[in-house]
Amino acid sequence: MSHPGPRRAAPVLAALCLSTLGLALPAAASAQGGFTCEASALAATLGPSPRIEPVSANRDETACKKAAAGGTAPASPLPITGSLLSATTDLRPETGSPSAQTATAAGGVGELRIAGLPIPLQRPDTSQLPEPVDLGGIVIRPRDIVNALVPESFSAELLNLRALRAEVTGRCVSGSPRLTGSSSVAGVSVLGRELPVDRAVSRSLTVAGAETIHFADLTPEQLGIPGVDIGPLRTLLEAIPDVSVPATLARVAITPGRRIEGGGSLTQHALDLTLSVGGQTVVDLTVGEATVGAAQVNCGGVADLALQCTSRRIVLIDVVRSGGKVRLLGAADRRFAGKRVKIRFTATGEVVARPRVRRSGLFRATAPMPPPGLRATNRARYRAEIAKQKSMRLKLVRRMLVSSTAVRGRRVTIAGRIVRPLGAPVQQVIVKRRLSCGRYRVVKRFTPPADGEFRVTLPGPPSSQAAVYRLRTRVRKFTTNPKLFPSSRCRGTSTSRSS
């Protein structure tokens, strides 16, 4: 790693803020947001009726908590029956830091049936039929006969769904929220046909099959002349045109195990189902729905700490010269996970890197080294941008650098270098650990050797997530000037190595 020479005018900055994975954040600093959760057994729209959701838990609440609802489908004028409907949510333990909590939501149905919902059938064209028809003194009305033979609607069992359940769990893992979902469906029957439950299916089904009405084949009862011997009348009946009854087709689409992710939340469905006839939706169901949200959860990870004490939703944590390149580390709100960040060299306005935000909220990038005439000046600064968010500008050349950190048990070792010229005599380095925004505790004081190289071991907090440390000292600007300059203050970027 290259550094400016000892007699070169260098920035008077010797503060360092460092966030270390594997160390804990005090509870007062981490308990700023928590999990949300909600669950539903069933949401259904049948024909023109309004959507119903008979059993739900913790719906529209701002915080996850223990709640439960269930039973059988309540009395309703709609032709829907169900058993073992359930919706539950839970948070364990009920109080404390979200980093140590587990949120769960589950919803499902033991059995669900829909029968007796009238579905309009395709009507035959009777415009060509004579009306009425005289069969040698016996009068029949063919149109009325067809209308009596072809029902206007279908009302048998439409759906039979069995053992459906969806579940989502949220917890902190390695300093970041992790949401996992699962679902199961035992069986789905639509219009008497069993459909697969291990994949999405879209299929046409016959509600009523195509047929032809031949009047000569009808019985006296069907013709509306019971008790009449129609043998002698068959020749006259043969003269009446046949009537074709078109098939009525339904379109069913099922999606088992649908997952909806975004905005820091996960929603898991057991089954989504729609049934339409003639282009009109007659059934629209979501069976078993569970949601857990972690958008406001601070798991004590590096990205969370970096954003904790600032209103900015993106920060540059570190800018380091290494191997002839500039290496950058930053953090963004996790809602930007998967999106590109623009890293801009502000001296020229040029975008020098476009890293992608990871699920943890961190992003890393490598950029070309600025021209020699710029790299050691105050103009050599970098800024991260995403959407309408912009980080503070972070300077390339600083007086305190870190080469490595190591965590073992509850102790962290930091190795680095303070760029000369140092103070005369060499000034102490004060190490503080952040307790909360604006509150630090001194955990170590040490005097580095004259060459500025140092290695210090610090006590860590009492659990196992993340911590923020600030190192500060005073240095000279020039070897010819004995005046000492204090380090500048680290401004709310919990993992920034300097301000």
Protein backbone atom coordinates (compact mmCIF):
# COMPACT_ATOMS: atom_id res chain seq x y z
CA MET A 1 0.00 0.00 0.00
CA SER A 2 1.47 3.37 -0.97
CA HIS A 3 1.46 6.38 1.36
CA PRO A 4 2.48 10.01 0.95
CA GLY A 5 6.08 10.77 1.91
CA PRO A 6 6.87 12.08 5.42
CA ARG A 7 7.63 15.65 4.24
CA ARG A 8 4.73 15.98 1.83
CA ALA A 9 1.79 18.19 2.76
CA ALA A 10 -0.80 15.65 3.86
CA PRO A 11 -4.35 16.05 5.18
CA VAL A 12 -4.49 16.67 8.91
CA LEU A 13 -6.88 13.84 9.69
CA ALA A 14 -6.22 11.00 12.06
CA ALA A 15 -9.61 9.77 13.13
CA LEU A 16 -10.85 6.32 12.30
CA CYS A 17 -14.21 4.64 12.77
CA LEU A 18 -14.33 0.91 12.33
CA SER A 19 -17.17 -1.64 12.47
CA THR A 20 -16.12 -5.21 13.18
CA LEU A 21 -18.16 -8.31 12.37
CA GLY A 22 -18.38 -10.78 15.22
CA LEU A 23 -18.78 -8.20 17.95
CA ALA A 24 -21.98 -7.06 19.57
CA LEU A 25 -23.93 -3.88 19.52
CA PRO A 26 -25.38 -2.72 22.85
CA ALA A 27 -29.12 -3.28 23.15
CA ALA A 28 -29.87 0.44 23.41
CA ALA A 29 -28.41 0.99 19.97
CA SER A 30 -30.01 -1.97 18.24
CA ALA A 31 -33.59 -1.85 19.45
CA GLN A 32 -34.77 0.75 16.96
CA GLY A 33 -37.06 -1.34 14.77
CA GLY A 34 -38.63 -4.75 14.86
CA PHE A 35 -40.26 -7.47 12.81
CA THR A 36 -43.78 -7.24 11.46
CA CYS A 37 -45.99 -10.25 10.81
CA GLU A 38 -49.50 -11.20 9.76
CA ALA A 39 -51.36 -14.28 8.53
CA SER A 40 -54.60 -15.26 6.84
CA ALA A 41 -56.32 -18.62 6.38
CA LEU A 42 -58.33 -17.66 3.31
CA ALA A 43 -59.18 -14.74 1.06
CA ALA A 44 -61.92 -15.39 -1.52
CA THR A 45 -63.96 -13.62 -4.18
CA LEU A 46 -66.92 -15.58 -5.52
CA GLY A 47 -68.62 -14.14 -8.58
CA PRO A 48 -69.73 -10.54 -8.05
CA SER A 49 -69.65 -10.81 -4.25
CA PRO A 50 -67.08 -8.70 -2.33
CA ARG A 51 -63.85 -10.35 -1.22
CA ILE A 52 -64.01 -12.08 2.15
CA GLU A 53 -61.23 -12.94 4.60
CA PRO A 54 -62.91 -14.78 7.47
CA VAL A 55 -59.84 -15.73 9.55
CA SER A 56 -56.72 -13.57 9.98
CA ALA A 57 -54.12 -12.79 12.66
CA ASN A 58 -52.32 -9.52 13.42
CA ARG A 59 -53.59 -7.98 10.18
CA ASP A 60 -52.34 -4.40 9.56
CA GLU A 61 -50.54 -4.20 12.92
CA THR A 62 -47.30 -2.21 13.05
CA ALA A 63 -45.38 -4.78 15.12
CA CYS A 64 -45.19 -8.55 15.22
CA LYS A 65 -46.81 -10.17 18.24
CA LYS A 66 -48.52 -13.36 19.31
CA ALA A 67 -52.01 -13.71 17.81
CA ALA A 68 -54.25 -16.55 16.69
CA ALA A 69 -57.62 -17.08 14.99
CA GLY A 70 -59.32 -20.16 13.61
CA GLY A 71 -62.23 -22.59 13.48
CA THR A 72 -64.61 -23.39 10.66
CA ALA A 73 -65.76 -21.13 7.86
CA PRO A 74 -68.34 -18.81 9.43
CA ALA A 75 -71.97 -18.79 8.33
CA SER A 76 -72.30 -16.99 5.03
CA PRO A 77 -74.81 -16.76 2.17
CA LEU A 78 -71.96 -17.77 -0.14
CA PRO A 79 -71.67 -21.46 -1.15
CA ILE A 80 -68.36 -22.03 0.64
CA THR A 81 -67.61 -24.39 3.52
CA GLY A 82 -64.33 -25.06 5.28
CA SER A 83 -62.83 -26.71 8.34
CA LEU A 84 -59.67 -26.23 10.38
CA LEU A 85 -59.10 -22.66 9.21
CA SER A 86 -56.16 -21.16 11.11
CA ALA A 87 -54.00 -18.04 11.18
CA THR A 88 -51.25 -17.50 13.75
CA THR A 89 -48.37 -15.11 14.39
CA ASP A 90 -45.71 -15.14 17.08
CA LEU A 91 -42.57 -13.35 18.27
CA ARG A 92 -40.08 -15.06 20.60
CA PRO A 93 -38.87 -13.72 22.94
CA GLU A 94 -41.62 -11.13 23.18
CA THR A 95 -39.24 -8.34 24.27
CA GLY A 96 -35.60 -7.48 23.71
CA SER A 97 -33.37 -6.76 20.76
CA PRO A 98 -34.74 -7.83 17.36
CA SER A 99 -31.33 -9.36 16.71
CA ALA A 100 -32.22 -12.11 19.21
CA GLN A 101 -35.88 -12.56 18.22
CA THR A 102 -37.65 -14.94 15.86
CA ALA A 103 -40.87 -13.89 14.12
CA THR A 104 -43.27 -16.43 12.61
CA ALA A 105 -46.54 -16.30 10.70
CA ALA A 106 -48.65 -19.21 9.42
CA GLY A 107 -52.02 -19.60 7.74
CA GLY A 108 -53.92 -22.51 6.28
CA VAL A 109 -57.05 -24.61 5.82
CA GLY A 110 -57.76 -28.27 6.56
CA GLU A 111 -60.45 -28.61 3.88
CA LEU A 112 -62.32 -26.14 1.68
CA ARG A 113 -65.32 -26.83 -0.58
CA ILE A 114 -67.20 -24.57 -2.99
CA ALA A 115 -70.46 -25.99 -4.35
CA GLY A 116 -73.72 -24.53 -5.55
CA LEU A 117 -72.20 -21.44 -7.11
CA PRO A 118 -74.26 -20.95 -10.28
CA ILE A 119 -72.11 -20.83 -13.42
CA PRO A 120 -73.93 -19.71 -16.59
CA LEU A 121 -73.89 -22.32 -19.35
CA GLN A 122 -73.63 -21.68 -23.09
CA ARG A 123 -77.08 -21.34 -24.58
CA PRO A 124 -78.03 -23.07 -27.88
CA ASP A 125 -79.25 -21.10 -30.87
CA THR A 126 -82.99 -21.78 -31.27
CA SER A 127 -83.72 -19.07 -33.84
CA GLN A 128 -84.15 -21.65 -36.65
CA LEU A 129 -86.81 -23.66 -34.82
CA PRO A 130 -90.43 -23.40 -35.98
CA GLU A 131 -92.75 -22.21 -33.29
CA PRO A 132 -95.24 -23.78 -32.60
CA VAL A 133 -95.34 -27.22 -34.36
CA ASP A 134 -98.58 -29.09 -35.02
CA LEU A 135 -98.08 -32.87 -34.85
CA GLY A 136 -101.48 -33.91 -36.27
CA GLY A 137 -103.53 -32.14 -33.65
CA ILE A 138 -100.86 -32.27 -30.94
CA VAL A 139 -99.03 -28.97 -30.54
CA ILE A 140 -95.48 -28.70 -29.17
CA ARG A 141 -93.21 -25.69 -28.73
CA PRO A 142 -89.61 -26.71 -29.67
CA ARG A 143 -87.96 -23.62 -28.15
CA ASP A 144 -89.57 -24.22 -24.78
CA ILE A 145 -88.52 -27.89 -25.00
CA VAL A 146 -84.86 -26.93 -25.61
CA ASN A 147 -84.88 -24.42 -22.78
CA ALA A 148 -86.29 -27.06 -20.45
CA LEU A 149 -83.66 -29.59 -21.48
CA VAL A 150 -80.64 -27.27 -21.19
CA PRO A 151 -80.20 -25.75 -17.71
CA GLU A 152 -79.16 -22.12 -17.46
CA SER A 153 -76.42 -22.78 -14.93
CA PHE A 154 -74.15 -25.39 -13.42
CA SER A 155 -74.25 -25.75 -9.63
CA ALA A 156 -72.41 -28.95 -8.69
CA GLU A 157 -69.18 -29.00 -6.63
CA LEU A 158 -66.59 -26.66 -8.16
CA LEU A 159 -63.63 -27.01 -5.81
CA ASN A 160 -62.34 -29.36 -3.16
CA LEU A 161 -59.05 -28.28 -1.56
CA ARG A 162 -57.30 -30.30 1.13
CA ALA A 163 -54.61 -29.58 3.75
CA LEU A 164 -53.08 -26.26 2.69
CA ARG A 165 -50.56 -24.34 4.79
CA ALA A 166 -48.08 -21.44 4.36
CA GLU A 167 -45.45 -20.32 6.87
CA VAL A 168 -42.74 -17.62 7.07
CA THR A 169 -39.98 -17.23 9.66
CA GLY A 170 -37.78 -14.19 10.22
CA ARG A 171 -34.60 -13.97 12.28
CA CYS A 172 -31.18 -12.34 12.26
CA VAL A 173 -28.34 -14.41 10.82
CA SER A 174 -24.75 -13.12 10.62
CA GLY A 175 -25.84 -9.54 11.18
CA SER A 176 -28.59 -9.46 8.52
CA PRO A 177 -32.30 -10.37 8.57
CA ARG A 178 -33.13 -13.69 6.96
CA LEU A 179 -36.68 -14.52 5.88
CA THR A 180 -37.59 -18.08 4.92
CA GLY A 181 -40.92 -19.42 3.72
CA SER A 182 -42.50 -22.80 3.09
CA SER A 183 -45.87 -24.14 1.99
CA SER A 184 -47.70 -27.40 1.40
CA VAL A 185 -50.86 -28.53 -0.44
CA ALA A 186 -52.21 -32.09 -0.14
CA GLY A 187 -54.84 -32.05 -2.88
CA VAL A 188 -56.81 -29.90 -5.35
CA SER A 189 -59.93 -31.02 -7.20
CA VAL A 190 -61.67 -28.71 -9.71
CA LEU A 191 -64.97 -29.77 -11.29
CA GLY A 192 -64.25 -33.33 -10.17
CA ARG A 193 -60.77 -33.45 -11.77
CA GLU A 194 -57.68 -33.87 -9.61
CA LEU A 195 -54.93 -31.41 -10.54
CA PRO A 196 -51.20 -31.59 -9.70
CA VAL A 197 -50.07 -29.60 -6.66
CA ASP A 198 -46.30 -29.60 -7.27
CA ARG A 199 -46.29 -26.98 -10.04
CA ALA A 200 -48.28 -24.13 -11.56
CA VAL A 201 -51.09 -25.34 -13.82
CA SER A 202 -53.35 -23.55 -16.31
CA ARG A 203 -55.98 -25.78 -17.90
CA SER A 204 -59.31 -25.72 -19.73
CA LEU A 205 -62.03 -27.94 -18.25
CA THR A 206 -65.45 -28.83 -19.60
CA VAL A 207 -68.31 -27.72 -17.39
CA ALA A 208 -71.03 -29.03 -19.73
CA GLY A 209 -70.24 -31.06 -22.85
CA ALA A 210 -71.38 -30.40 -26.40
CA GLU A 211 -74.49 -32.32 -27.48
CA THR A 212 -77.16 -32.38 -30.17
CA ILE A 213 -80.89 -32.39 -29.45
CA HIS A 214 -82.70 -34.63 -31.99
CA PHE A 215 -86.44 -34.21 -31.42
CA ALA A 216 -87.32 -37.64 -32.79
CA ASP A 217 -85.25 -39.22 -29.99
CA LEU A 218 -86.96 -37.38 -27.15
CA THR A 219 -89.48 -39.02 -24.82
CA PRO A 220 -93.09 -37.88 -24.52
CA GLU A 221 -92.21 -36.37 -21.14
CA GLN A 222 -89.34 -34.36 -22.65
CA LEU A 223 -91.62 -33.18 -25.42
CA GLY A 224 -94.22 -32.06 -22.89
CA ILE A 225 -96.87 -34.55 -24.05
CA PRO A 226 -96.74 -37.33 -21.40
CA GLY A 227 -98.83 -40.44 -22.13
CA VAL A 228 -98.92 -39.80 -25.87
CA ASP A 229 -97.69 -42.54 -28.22
CA ILE A 230 -95.19 -40.66 -30.35
CA GLY A 231 -94.47 -43.58 -32.74
CA PRO A 232 -96.81 -42.28 -35.43
CA LEU A 233 -95.41 -38.79 -34.89
CA ARG A 234 -91.74 -39.58 -35.49
CA THR A 235 -91.83 -38.58 -39.17
CA LEU A 236 -93.13 -35.14 -38.16
CA LEU A 237 -90.54 -34.88 -35.37
CA GLU A 238 -87.74 -35.76 -37.82
CA ALA A 239 -88.65 -32.65 -39.78
CA ILE A 240 -87.81 -30.36 -36.87
CA PRO A 241 -84.17 -29.15 -37.19
CA ASP A 242 -81.63 -30.52 -34.73
CA VAL A 243 -80.30 -28.13 -32.11
CA SER A 244 -76.59 -28.05 -31.21
CA VAL A 245 -75.81 -27.29 -27.58
CA PRO A 246 -72.26 -25.81 -27.35
CA ALA A 247 -69.84 -26.96 -24.69
CA THR A 248 -69.24 -24.65 -21.74
CA LEU A 249 -65.55 -24.45 -20.92
CA ALA A 250 -63.91 -23.18 -17.76
CA ARG A 251 -60.35 -21.99 -17.40
CA VAL A 252 -58.59 -22.81 -14.15
CA ALA A 253 -55.17 -21.54 -13.06
CA ILE A 254 -53.47 -22.70 -9.86
CA THR A 255 -50.15 -21.59 -8.43
CA PRO A 256 -48.94 -23.51 -5.37
CA GLY A 257 -46.22 -22.04 -3.16
CA ARG A 258 -46.17 -18.50 -4.55
CA ARG A 259 -43.58 -16.19 -2.92
CA ILE A 260 -43.75 -12.39 -2.96
CA GLU A 261 -40.57 -10.58 -1.90
CA GLY A 262 -39.83 -6.87 -1.73
CA GLY A 263 -39.49 -3.94 0.59
CA GLY A 264 -37.80 -6.08 3.24
CA SER A 265 -40.71 -8.53 3.58
CA LEU A 266 -41.62 -12.04 2.43
CA THR A 267 -45.16 -13.24 1.77
CA GLN A 268 -45.76 -16.96 1.27
CA HIS A 269 -49.00 -18.36 -0.21
CA ALA A 270 -50.04 -22.00 -0.01
CA LEU A 271 -52.24 -21.78 -3.12
CA ASP A 272 -53.58 -19.15 -5.52
CA LEU A 273 -56.50 -20.27 -7.70
CA THR A 274 -58.73 -18.58 -10.27
CA LEU A 275 -61.62 -20.14 -12.17
CA SER A 276 -63.23 -18.30 -15.09
CA VAL A 277 -66.06 -19.13 -17.46
CA GLY A 278 -66.67 -17.23 -20.68
CA GLY A 279 -63.94 -14.76 -19.77
CA GLN A 280 -65.63 -13.92 -16.46
CA THR A 281 -63.90 -14.82 -13.18
CA VAL A 282 -66.24 -16.80 -10.94
CA VAL A 283 -63.74 -17.86 -8.23
CA ASP A 284 -60.56 -16.10 -7.06
CA LEU A 285 -58.85 -17.63 -4.01
CA THR A 286 -55.73 -17.24 -1.94
CA VAL A 287 -55.55 -20.07 0.57
CA GLY A 288 -52.96 -19.86 3.34
CA GLU A 289 -51.01 -16.59 3.49
CA ALA A 290 -48.16 -15.66 5.82
CA THR A 291 -46.04 -12.49 5.85
CA VAL A 292 -43.03 -11.41 7.91
CA GLY A 293 -41.37 -8.04 7.39
CA ALA A 294 -37.87 -6.98 8.42
CA ALA A 295 -37.50 -3.58 6.74
CA GLN A 296 -36.91 -1.82 10.07
CA VAL A 297 -34.96 -4.59 11.80
CA ASN A 298 -31.45 -3.73 12.98
CA CYS A 299 -29.54 -6.98 13.31
CA GLY A 300 -26.40 -5.25 14.45
CA GLY A 301 -24.56 -5.98 11.20
CA VAL A 302 -22.09 -3.68 9.51
CA ALA A 303 -24.62 -2.21 7.08
CA ASP A 304 -27.16 -1.60 9.83
CA LEU A 305 -24.59 0.16 11.97
CA ALA A 306 -23.39 2.27 9.07
CA LEU A 307 -26.89 3.63 8.49
CA GLN A 308 -28.01 3.72 12.10
CA CYS A 309 -26.94 7.24 13.02
CA THR A 310 -27.62 9.06 9.79
CA SER A 311 -30.70 10.03 7.81
CA ARG A 312 -28.88 9.05 4.60
CA ARG A 313 -29.85 5.69 3.16
CA ILE A 314 -26.43 5.15 1.55
CA VAL A 315 -22.96 5.72 2.99
CA LEU A 316 -19.38 5.16 1.92
CA ILE A 317 -17.66 3.21 4.66
CA ASP A 318 -14.10 3.13 3.38
CA VAL A 319 -11.84 4.26 0.54
CA VAL A 320 -8.41 2.62 0.46
CA ARG A 321 -5.46 2.64 -1.98
CA SER A 322 -4.33 -0.92 -2.61
CA GLY A 323 -2.28 -2.52 -5.39
CA GLY A 324 -2.43 0.55 -7.63
CA LYS A 325 -6.25 0.67 -7.37
CA VAL A 326 -8.82 2.35 -5.16
CA ARG A 327 -10.96 -0.08 -3.20
CA LEU A 328 -14.29 1.14 -1.85
CA LEU A 329 -16.71 -0.28 0.70
CA GLY A 330 -20.18 1.07 1.42
CA ALA A 331 -23.63 0.29 2.76
CA ALA A 332 -27.14 1.01 1.54
CA ASP A 333 -30.63 0.39 2.83
CA ARG A 334 -31.50 -3.26 2.16
CA ARG A 335 -34.47 -2.24 0.04
CA PHE A 336 -31.85 -1.43 -2.62
CA ALA A 337 -30.48 -5.01 -2.58
CA GLY A 338 -29.66 -6.12 -6.12
CA LYS A 339 -29.55 -2.58 -7.52
CA ARG A 340 -26.48 -0.80 -8.89
CA VAL A 341 -24.68 2.00 -7.02
CA LYS A 342 -22.88 4.80 -8.83
CA ILE A 343 -19.47 5.60 -7.31
CA ARG A 344 -18.52 9.10 -8.42
CA PHE A 345 -15.06 10.68 -8.23
CA THR A 346 -16.18 14.17 -7.28
CA ALA A 347 -13.05 15.98 -8.50
CA THR A 348 -14.08 15.22 -12.10
CA GLY A 349 -17.71 14.15 -11.65
CA GLU A 350 -16.91 10.86 -13.40
CA VAL A 351 -18.66 7.62 -12.38
CA VAL A 352 -15.75 5.24 -11.72
CA ALA A 353 -17.58 2.10 -10.52
CA ARG A 354 -21.08 0.56 -10.45
CA PRO A 355 -21.19 -2.16 -7.78
CA ARG A 356 -24.36 -4.04 -6.87
CA VAL A 357 -25.85 -3.89 -3.35
CA ARG A 358 -25.73 -7.28 -1.65
CA ARG A 359 -28.53 -8.75 0.45
CA SER A 360 -26.59 -7.71 3.57
CA GLY A 361 -26.77 -4.07 2.41
CA LEU A 362 -23.01 -3.86 1.75
CA PHE A 363 -21.38 -3.11 -1.59
CA ARG A 364 -17.75 -3.26 -2.73
CA ALA A 365 -16.02 -1.75 -5.74
CA THR A 366 -12.60 -1.20 -7.32
CA ALA A 367 -11.82 2.02 -9.19
CA PRO A 368 -8.75 3.32 -11.07
CA MET A 369 -6.21 5.37 -9.12
CA PRO A 370 -6.67 9.14 -9.70
CA PRO A 371 -3.91 11.08 -11.48
CA PRO A 372 -0.83 11.76 -9.28
CA GLY A 373 -1.58 15.46 -9.17
CA LEU A 374 -5.01 14.83 -7.62
CA ARG A 375 -4.74 11.80 -5.41
CA ALA A 376 -3.16 13.50 -2.35
CA THR A 377 -5.36 16.62 -2.46
CA ASN A 378 -8.60 17.47 -0.74
CA ARG A 379 -10.34 17.19 -4.12
CA ALA A 380 -9.71 13.44 -4.29
CA ARG A 381 -13.02 12.35 -2.80
CA TYR A 382 -15.66 9.75 -3.63
CA ARG A 383 -19.44 9.70 -3.28
CA ALA A 384 -21.93 6.84 -3.61
CA GLU A 385 -25.33 7.42 -5.26
CA ILE A 386 -28.43 5.26 -5.64
CA ALA A 387 -31.89 6.42 -6.72
CA LYS A 388 -32.12 9.92 -5.20
CA GLN A 389 -29.84 9.06 -2.26
CA LYS A 390 -26.27 10.36 -1.99
CA SER A 391 -23.57 9.60 0.56
CA MET A 392 -21.18 12.09 2.07
CA ARG A 393 -17.91 12.51 0.16
CA LEU A 394 -15.07 10.39 1.51
CA LYS A 395 -11.45 11.44 0.99
CA LEU A 396 -8.87 9.11 -0.52
CA VAL A 397 -5.69 10.12 1.35
CA ARG A 398 -5.92 10.08 5.14
CA ARG A 399 -3.50 9.93 8.02
CA MET A 400 -4.83 6.82 9.78
CA LEU A 401 -5.04 3.55 7.86
CA VAL A 402 -6.04 0.03 8.89
CA SER A 403 -4.40 -3.00 7.32
CA SER A 404 -6.34 -5.77 9.10
CA THR A 405 -8.86 -6.68 11.78
CA ALA A 406 -9.23 -10.03 13.47
CA VAL A 407 -11.88 -11.30 15.87
CA ARG A 408 -11.25 -14.12 18.32
CA GLY A 409 -13.83 -14.87 20.95
CA ARG A 410 -14.88 -11.56 22.44
CA ARG A 411 -11.70 -9.69 21.54
CA VAL A 412 -10.79 -7.82 18.38
CA THR A 413 -7.29 -6.98 17.15
CA ILE A 414 -6.80 -3.98 14.86
CA ALA A 415 -3.56 -3.42 12.95
CA GLY A 416 -2.77 -0.26 11.04
CA ARG A 417 -0.55 2.75 10.50
CA ILE A 418 -0.58 6.45 11.26
CA VAL A 419 1.11 8.27 8.39
CA ARG A 420 4.06 10.42 9.51
CA PRO A 421 4.93 13.01 10.62
CA LEU A 422 3.61 12.07 14.04
CA GLY A 423 3.51 14.37 17.02
CA ALA A 424 6.65 15.15 18.99
CA PRO A 425 6.35 13.47 21.39
CA VAL A 426 4.18 10.78 19.75
CA GLN A 427 0.59 11.27 20.86
CA GLN A 428 -1.66 8.66 22.38
CA VAL A 429 -4.36 6.96 20.31
CA ILE A 430 -7.71 6.95 22.08
CA VAL A 431 -10.00 4.05 21.16
CA LYS A 432 -13.73 4.38 21.83
CA ARG A 433 -16.58 1.95 21.27
CA ARG A 434 -19.93 3.35 20.21
CA LEU A 435 -22.74 2.73 22.67
CA SER A 436 -25.43 4.62 20.80
CA CYS A 437 -25.64 7.46 18.31
CA GLY A 438 -23.45 10.23 19.74
CA ARG A 439 -22.37 8.15 22.79
CA TYR A 440 -18.96 6.47 23.01
CA ARG A 441 -16.95 4.78 25.76
CA VAL A 442 -13.15 4.79 25.94
CA VAL A 443 -11.96 1.18 25.84
CA LYS A 444 -8.23 1.66 25.19
CA ARG A 445 -5.42 4.23 25.19
CA PHE A 446 -2.04 3.41 23.67
CA THR A 447 1.02 5.14 22.26
CA PRO A 448 2.12 3.88 18.83
CA PRO A 449 5.85 3.48 17.98
CA ALA A 450 7.68 6.23 16.14
CA ASP A 451 7.13 4.63 12.72
CA GLY A 452 3.35 4.84 13.22
CA GLU A 453 2.70 1.10 12.85
CA PHE A 454 0.35 -0.27 15.52
CA ARG A 455 -1.50 -3.40 16.58
CA VAL A 456 -3.99 -3.19 19.42
CA THR A 457 -6.32 -5.76 21.02
CA LEU A 458 -9.63 -4.52 22.39
CA PRO A 459 -12.40 -6.00 24.53
CA GLY A 460 -15.61 -6.66 22.63
CA PRO A 461 -19.22 -6.20 23.72
CA PRO A 462 -21.01 -9.00 25.57
CA SER A 463 -22.73 -10.81 22.65
CA SER A 464 -21.91 -11.75 19.08
CA GLN A 465 -22.98 -9.38 16.34
CA ALA A 466 -21.17 -6.14 15.52
CA ALA A 467 -19.49 -3.15 17.12
CA VAL A 468 -18.26 0.29 16.12
CA TYR A 469 -14.86 1.59 17.27
CA ARG A 470 -13.39 5.03 16.85
CA LEU A 471 -9.62 5.66 16.93
CA ARG A 472 -8.36 9.19 17.36
CA THR A 473 -5.01 10.93 17.82
CA ARG A 474 -3.15 14.16 16.99
CA VAL A 475 -0.46 14.60 14.34
CA ARG A 476 1.72 17.29 12.73
CA LYS A 477 0.97 18.59 9.29
CA PHE A 478 4.65 19.18 8.39
CA THR A 479 7.89 17.94 9.93
CA THR A 480 9.03 21.57 10.19
CA ASN A 481 6.03 22.65 12.21
CA PRO A 482 5.70 21.26 15.77
CA LYS A 483 2.05 22.31 16.04
CA LEU A 484 -0.34 19.41 16.67
CA PHE A 485 -3.69 19.17 14.94
CA PRO A 486 -6.58 17.20 16.43
CA SER A 487 -8.32 14.61 14.34
CA SER A 488 -11.66 15.48 12.85
CA ARG A 489 -14.81 13.93 14.24
CA CYS A 490 -16.37 10.83 12.68
CA ARG A 491 -19.78 11.89 11.48
CA GLY A 492 -22.38 9.19 11.83
CA THR A 493 -20.98 6.54 9.48
CA SER A 494 -20.56 3.70 11.87
CA THR A 495 -18.20 1.68 9.73
CA SER A 496 -16.27 4.55 8.19
CA ARG A 497 -12.54 4.52 8.77
CA SER A 498 -12.41 8.28 8.65
CA SER A 499 -14.67 11.21 8.13
